[in-house]
Protein backbone atom coordinates (compact mmCIF):
# COMPACT_ATOMS: atom_id res chain seq x y z
CA MET A 1 -23.19 10.04 5.72
CA ASP A 2 -20.12 7.92 5.00
CA LYS A 3 -17.91 8.99 2.13
CA ASN A 4 -16.62 6.39 -0.25
CA TYR A 5 -13.04 6.95 -1.33
CA THR A 6 -10.96 5.62 -4.14
CA ILE A 7 -7.69 4.26 -2.80
CA ALA A 8 -4.67 2.94 -4.65
CA VAL A 9 -2.30 0.63 -2.83
CA ALA A 10 1.16 0.49 -4.37
CA GLY A 11 2.62 -2.95 -3.75
CA THR A 12 0.88 -6.26 -3.11
CA GLY A 13 3.18 -7.92 -0.61
CA TYR A 14 1.71 -8.93 2.73
CA VAL A 15 1.45 -5.31 3.90
CA GLY A 16 -0.11 -3.90 0.74
CA LEU A 17 -2.46 -6.79 0.06
CA SER A 18 -3.75 -6.84 3.64
CA ILE A 19 -4.45 -3.10 3.57
CA ALA A 20 -6.07 -3.30 0.12
CA THR A 21 -8.27 -6.21 1.18
CA LEU A 22 -9.37 -4.52 4.39
CA LEU A 23 -10.14 -1.16 2.73
CA ALA A 24 -11.94 -2.77 -0.24
CA GLN A 25 -14.82 -3.74 2.05
CA HIS A 26 -15.97 -0.10 2.09
CA HIS A 27 -14.05 1.73 -0.66
CA LYS A 28 -12.97 1.33 -4.28
CA VAL A 29 -9.41 -0.02 -4.13
CA TYR A 30 -6.82 -0.50 -6.84
CA ALA A 31 -3.96 -2.81 -5.84
CA VAL A 32 -1.07 -1.76 -8.07
CA ASP A 33 1.88 -4.00 -8.78
CA ILE A 34 4.53 -4.34 -11.47
CA VAL A 35 4.34 -8.16 -11.59
CA PRO A 36 1.63 -9.36 -14.02
CA SER A 37 1.24 -12.78 -12.37
CA LYS A 38 0.51 -11.16 -8.97
CA VAL A 39 -2.11 -8.88 -10.52
CA GLU A 40 -3.74 -11.84 -12.26
CA LEU A 41 -3.91 -13.89 -9.06
CA ILE A 42 -5.45 -11.04 -7.06
CA ASN A 43 -8.08 -10.44 -9.74
CA LYS A 44 -8.91 -14.16 -9.54
CA ARG A 45 -9.31 -13.63 -5.77
CA LYS A 46 -6.31 -15.79 -4.92
CA SER A 47 -4.00 -14.84 -2.08
CA LEU A 48 -0.31 -14.33 -2.72
CA SER A 49 0.69 -14.99 0.86
CA GLN A 50 0.03 -17.60 3.51
CA ASP A 51 -2.49 -15.49 5.39
CA GLU A 52 -5.72 -17.29 6.25
CA TYR A 53 -7.63 -14.03 6.73
CA ILE A 54 -6.62 -12.62 3.34
CA GLU A 55 -7.51 -15.93 1.70
CA LYS A 56 -10.91 -15.95 3.44
CA TYR A 57 -11.69 -12.31 2.63
CA LEU A 58 -10.70 -12.69 -1.02
CA SER A 59 -12.83 -15.79 -1.48
CA GLU A 60 -15.85 -14.91 0.69
CA LYS A 61 -16.24 -11.15 1.16
CA GLU A 62 -17.79 -8.63 -1.19
CA LEU A 63 -14.77 -6.49 -2.08
CA ASP A 64 -14.42 -3.55 -4.45
CA LEU A 65 -10.86 -4.56 -5.28
CA THR A 66 -9.15 -4.45 -8.65
CA ALA A 67 -5.50 -5.32 -9.14
CA ALA A 68 -3.78 -3.33 -11.87
CA LEU A 69 -0.50 -2.88 -13.66
CA ASP A 70 -1.58 0.59 -14.85
CA ALA A 71 -0.25 2.95 -12.19
CA GLU A 72 -1.35 6.05 -14.10
CA MET A 73 -4.99 4.92 -14.13
CA ALA A 74 -4.99 3.89 -10.47
CA TYR A 75 -3.11 6.87 -9.06
CA SER A 76 -5.05 9.39 -11.18
CA ALA A 77 -8.35 8.10 -9.81
CA ALA A 78 -7.29 7.87 -6.16
CA ASP A 79 -8.03 10.15 -3.23
CA PHE A 80 -5.35 8.32 -1.23
CA ILE A 81 -2.35 6.26 -2.26
CA VAL A 82 -0.98 3.81 0.27
CA ILE A 83 2.67 3.08 -0.48
CA ALA A 84 3.63 -0.45 0.54
CA ALA A 85 6.63 -0.84 -1.72
CA PRO A 86 9.66 -2.89 -0.66
CA THR A 87 12.55 -1.16 1.13
CA ASN A 88 15.26 -3.72 1.59
CA TYR A 89 17.99 -2.98 4.10
CA ASP A 90 21.50 -3.19 2.68
CA SER A 91 23.77 -4.31 5.52
CA ALA A 92 26.88 -3.43 3.49
CA THR A 93 25.92 0.24 3.18
CA GLN A 94 23.76 0.24 6.33
CA HIS A 95 20.97 2.02 4.45
CA PHE A 96 17.46 1.24 3.30
CA ASP A 97 16.86 1.09 -0.45
CA THR A 98 13.95 3.51 -0.74
CA SER A 99 14.01 3.64 -4.55
CA ALA A 100 10.71 1.75 -4.94
CA VAL A 101 8.98 4.20 -2.57
CA GLU A 102 10.51 7.15 -4.42
CA ASN A 103 9.38 5.72 -7.77
CA VAL A 104 5.78 5.55 -6.52
CA ILE A 105 5.95 9.08 -5.09
CA GLY A 106 7.33 10.32 -8.42
CA LEU A 107 4.44 8.73 -10.32
CA VAL A 108 1.86 10.13 -7.91
CA MET A 109 3.41 13.61 -8.20
CA LYS A 110 3.15 13.27 -11.99
CA TYR A 111 -0.40 11.87 -12.21
CA ASN A 112 -2.18 13.16 -9.10
CA PRO A 113 -0.11 15.52 -6.92
CA ASN A 114 -3.12 16.45 -4.77
CA ALA A 115 -3.65 12.89 -3.53
CA ILE A 116 -2.65 12.05 0.02
CA MET A 117 0.23 9.55 0.10
CA VAL A 118 0.53 7.30 3.13
CA ILE A 119 3.85 5.49 3.38
CA LYS A 120 3.49 2.06 5.03
CA SER A 121 6.92 0.86 3.93
CA THR A 122 9.82 0.63 6.36
CA ILE A 123 11.81 3.83 5.98
CA PRO A 124 14.68 5.45 7.87
CA VAL A 125 14.18 8.14 10.49
CA GLY A 126 13.82 11.55 8.84
CA TYR A 127 12.82 10.13 5.45
CA THR A 128 9.30 11.62 5.40
CA LYS A 129 10.55 15.12 6.16
CA ALA A 130 13.28 14.83 3.53
CA ILE A 131 10.97 13.51 0.79
CA ARG A 132 8.38 16.20 1.56
CA GLU A 133 11.08 18.85 1.13
CA LYS A 134 12.45 17.21 -2.02
CA THR A 135 9.00 16.99 -3.67
CA GLU A 136 7.67 20.22 -2.13
CA SER A 137 4.58 18.24 -1.13
CA ARG A 138 2.81 18.32 2.22
CA ASN A 139 0.65 15.38 1.11
CA ILE A 140 3.13 12.70 2.16
CA ILE A 141 2.66 11.12 5.57
CA PHE A 142 4.07 8.07 7.30
CA SER A 143 2.12 5.45 9.20
CA PRO A 144 4.28 2.65 10.57
CA GLU A 145 3.12 -0.91 10.20
CA PHE A 146 3.43 -3.54 12.90
CA LEU A 147 2.21 -6.67 11.18
CA ARG A 148 3.08 -10.32 11.39
CA GLU A 149 3.51 -11.81 7.94
CA SER A 150 0.98 -14.63 8.30
CA LYS A 151 -1.50 -12.47 10.26
CA ALA A 152 -1.24 -9.13 8.41
CA LEU A 153 -4.95 -8.67 7.66
CA TYR A 154 -5.94 -9.70 11.19
CA ASN A 155 -3.36 -7.29 12.69
CA ASN A 156 -4.67 -4.43 10.51
CA GLY A 157 -8.28 -5.10 11.51
CA TYR A 158 -7.63 -5.93 15.15
CA PRO A 159 -4.50 -4.14 16.36
CA GLU A 160 -3.27 -5.69 19.59
CA PHE A 161 -0.97 -2.94 20.71
CA LEU A 162 -0.53 0.81 20.69
CA VAL A 163 2.60 2.79 20.00
CA ALA A 164 3.02 5.79 22.27
């Protein structure tokens, strides 16, 4: 018997929205963002990106997808939290800005520390180990994404390559 999970996806850029859309076919998904206009568009089943598959799924598929500004509600209810927050690379300092990822992890640790967190954001080598030690949580894992911006949903559903 299949188990239905509740999943929160933190961030609704092309990575987060594609994952949320794909998972919402079979699970309850909250797409969490801090931008009210993005949340409103998603709840109206409008795509934020130029991705024909996301547009098609949002308009035609039966999805259990709710966009929300309320991180506490979404993270508290979730079995899994997918973190797809932005991590911009600063060429001046030659470091990634992981503050958005750390903010999400901090909220999850506050509201639902037993949830499994899956980082899909671009992070530096060694980051997962360091953040697990810092938070004293073994519930943080990393799953790299290899998506093309206009084909993110398709790439998630039909991966064309393997990483060894």
